[in-house]
Protein backbone atom coordinates (compact mmCIF):
# COMPACT_ATOMS: atom_id res chain seq x y z
CA MET A 1 130.53 157.98 -164.66
CA SER A 2 126.90 158.42 -163.66
CA LYS A 3 125.12 156.33 -161.07
CA ARG A 4 122.52 153.88 -162.29
CA VAL A 5 118.97 154.41 -161.08
CA ASP A 6 118.52 150.83 -159.95
CA GLU A 7 121.61 150.83 -157.71
CA PRO A 8 120.83 150.65 -153.98
CA ARG A 9 121.22 153.83 -151.99
CA SER A 10 124.10 154.08 -149.55
CA ASP A 11 123.48 153.99 -145.81
CA LYS A 12 124.38 157.68 -145.55
CA GLN A 13 121.75 158.60 -148.14
CA VAL A 14 119.11 156.68 -146.23
CA LEU A 15 120.12 157.78 -142.73
CA LEU A 16 120.50 161.51 -143.40
CA PRO A 17 116.76 162.20 -143.87
CA LEU A 18 115.98 160.08 -140.80
CA HIS A 19 118.58 161.95 -138.78
CA MET A 20 117.11 165.28 -139.91
CA LEU A 21 113.64 164.08 -138.95
CA ASN A 22 114.89 163.05 -135.51
CA VAL A 23 116.57 166.42 -134.98
CA MET A 24 113.35 168.20 -135.95
CA ALA A 25 111.37 166.00 -133.53
CA ILE A 26 113.75 166.90 -130.71
CA ILE A 27 113.61 170.62 -131.50
CA LEU A 28 109.82 170.64 -131.78
CA SER A 29 109.24 168.63 -128.61
CA VAL A 30 111.48 170.90 -126.55
CA ALA A 31 109.95 174.01 -128.17
CA ILE A 32 106.40 172.86 -127.39
CA ILE A 33 107.23 172.30 -123.71
CA LEU A 34 109.12 175.62 -123.50
CA ILE A 35 106.26 177.55 -125.14
CA PHE A 36 103.70 176.05 -122.76
CA LEU A 37 106.03 176.74 -119.83
CA ALA A 38 106.69 180.35 -120.86
CA SER A 39 103.00 180.93 -121.48
CA VAL A 40 101.83 179.79 -118.05
CA THR A 41 104.72 181.57 -116.29
CA ILE A 42 103.98 184.87 -118.06
CA GLU A 43 100.29 184.43 -117.28
CA ALA A 44 101.16 183.94 -113.61
CA PHE A 45 103.23 187.15 -113.55
CA GLN A 46 100.31 189.00 -115.14
CA GLY A 47 98.12 187.81 -112.26
CA SER A 48 100.45 188.97 -109.50
CA THR A 49 104.13 189.19 -108.65
CA ASP A 50 103.73 186.54 -105.94
CA ALA A 51 102.09 184.09 -108.36
CA GLY A 52 104.76 184.87 -110.95
CA LEU A 53 107.61 184.21 -108.53
CA ARG A 54 106.03 180.95 -107.40
CA SER A 55 105.63 179.98 -111.04
CA LEU A 56 109.26 180.86 -111.75
CA ALA A 57 110.39 178.83 -108.73
CA ALA A 58 108.36 175.83 -109.94
CA THR A 59 109.95 176.23 -113.37
CA LEU A 60 113.53 176.43 -112.10
CA LEU A 61 113.46 173.84 -109.32
CA PRO A 62 113.45 170.59 -111.39
CA PRO A 63 116.37 171.60 -113.67
CA ILE A 64 118.44 172.63 -110.66
CA ILE A 65 117.81 169.34 -108.86
CA ILE A 66 118.40 167.17 -111.94
CA THR A 67 121.53 169.11 -112.90
CA TYR A 68 122.98 168.44 -109.50
CA ILE A 69 122.01 164.76 -109.56
CA VAL A 70 123.20 164.09 -113.12
CA PHE A 71 126.46 166.01 -113.05
CA PHE A 72 127.62 165.91 -109.46
CA THR A 73 126.40 162.69 -107.84
CA PRO A 74 126.26 159.00 -108.67
CA PHE A 75 122.78 159.01 -107.07
CA ILE A 76 120.68 157.70 -109.95
CA ARG A 77 122.21 155.73 -112.79
CA SER A 78 120.05 153.83 -115.22
CA GLN A 79 121.31 150.25 -115.24
CA THR A 80 118.41 148.62 -117.06
CA ARG A 81 117.33 149.27 -120.59
CA ILE A 82 113.75 150.46 -120.96
CA PRO A 83 112.05 149.46 -124.24
CA GLU A 84 111.76 152.45 -126.57
CA PHE A 85 108.07 151.84 -127.23
CA SER A 86 107.34 151.96 -123.51
CA LEU A 87 109.04 155.36 -123.28
CA TYR A 88 107.16 156.56 -126.35
CA PHE A 89 103.82 155.40 -124.94
CA VAL A 90 104.44 156.87 -121.47
CA PHE A 91 105.58 160.24 -122.85
CA THR A 92 102.64 160.36 -125.29
CA LEU A 93 100.11 159.69 -122.55
CA TRP A 94 101.85 161.94 -120.01
CA SER A 95 102.11 164.81 -122.51
CA LEU A 96 98.47 164.55 -123.50
CA ILE A 97 97.34 164.60 -119.87
CA LEU A 98 99.77 167.41 -119.07
CA PHE A 99 98.59 169.65 -121.92
CA ILE A 100 94.95 169.04 -120.99
CA LEU A 101 95.58 169.91 -117.33
CA VAL A 102 97.70 172.97 -118.05
CA SER A 103 95.28 174.33 -120.64
CA ASN A 104 92.03 173.71 -118.81
CA TYR A 105 92.29 172.94 -115.13
CA LEU A 106 95.35 174.35 -113.41
CA SER A 107 95.04 177.81 -111.96
CA GLN A 108 97.29 180.62 -110.79
CA ARG A 109 96.78 179.62 -107.16
CA SER A 110 99.14 176.71 -107.57
CA PRO A 111 102.16 176.45 -109.87
CA ALA A 112 101.51 172.73 -110.41
CA GLY A 113 101.35 173.15 -114.19
CA GLU A 114 104.71 174.89 -114.31
CA LEU A 115 106.21 172.24 -112.07
CA ALA A 116 104.83 169.39 -114.22
CA LEU A 117 106.02 171.03 -117.46
CA SER A 118 109.44 171.67 -115.99
CA ILE A 119 109.67 168.09 -114.70
CA THR A 120 108.79 166.86 -118.20
CA LEU A 121 111.49 168.96 -119.83
CA THR A 122 114.02 168.02 -117.17
CA SER A 123 113.14 164.34 -117.54
CA LEU A 124 113.81 164.63 -121.25
CA ILE A 125 117.24 166.10 -120.52
CA TYR A 126 117.94 163.43 -117.92
CA ILE A 127 116.99 160.68 -120.38
CA TYR A 128 119.27 162.25 -122.98
CA ARG A 129 122.20 162.14 -120.56
CA THR A 130 121.66 158.66 -119.11
CA THR A 131 120.09 156.40 -121.76
CA PRO A 132 120.79 155.43 -125.37
CA PHE A 133 119.91 158.00 -128.02
CA ARG A 134 117.03 155.85 -129.32
CA SER A 135 115.35 156.11 -125.92
CA PHE A 136 115.68 159.89 -126.01
CA ILE A 137 114.20 160.02 -129.51
CA SER A 138 111.29 157.85 -128.35
CA CYS A 139 110.51 160.41 -125.64
CA ALA A 140 110.70 163.32 -128.10
CA TYR A 141 108.31 161.57 -130.48
CA GLY A 142 106.05 160.80 -127.51
CA ILE A 143 105.83 164.49 -126.59
CA LEU A 144 105.04 165.38 -130.21
CA SER A 145 102.37 162.68 -130.39
CA GLY A 146 100.83 163.82 -127.10
CA PHE A 147 100.69 167.39 -128.37
CA LEU A 148 99.16 166.34 -131.69
CA PHE A 149 96.53 164.24 -129.88
CA PHE A 150 95.80 167.30 -127.73
CA VAL A 151 95.36 169.50 -130.82
CA LEU A 152 93.27 166.81 -132.53
CA PHE A 153 90.83 166.45 -129.62
CA PHE A 154 90.87 169.94 -128.04
CA GLY A 155 92.15 172.35 -130.69
CA VAL A 156 95.09 174.70 -130.67
CA PRO A 157 95.71 176.13 -127.19
CA ASP A 158 95.13 179.86 -126.64
């Protein structure tokens, strides 16, 4: 027996494309941060070994700290629910500012760009572990939006 065209779609049929879109948003947002992070770290190593090691330290420090806090201590536990739009807005604005600073203003003398990118990625992981999935998705879409605003206003980074 064939399905009639005017029958409503099941929840699974509707949710699967949305789920796939969310997974792509997560993958892209993490990839964008990782590409920026790898790019500035490699650039620092090309400048000098000292700058490269400082860049690598700035890259590794936030994940080490957050891993310890999230997995081994009850130090920070999110008890309040943050509205998803607020997370989206904050991550959009933060990402836009971050990409502008990393691309144009931060130099090899200070690994501030690497530290900020690493903190952003680590924050995303922390939010994934401690908040509802919708909050995590809001952050991923915020990073994508910030990147697209950056490309729209400043072009594709070198």
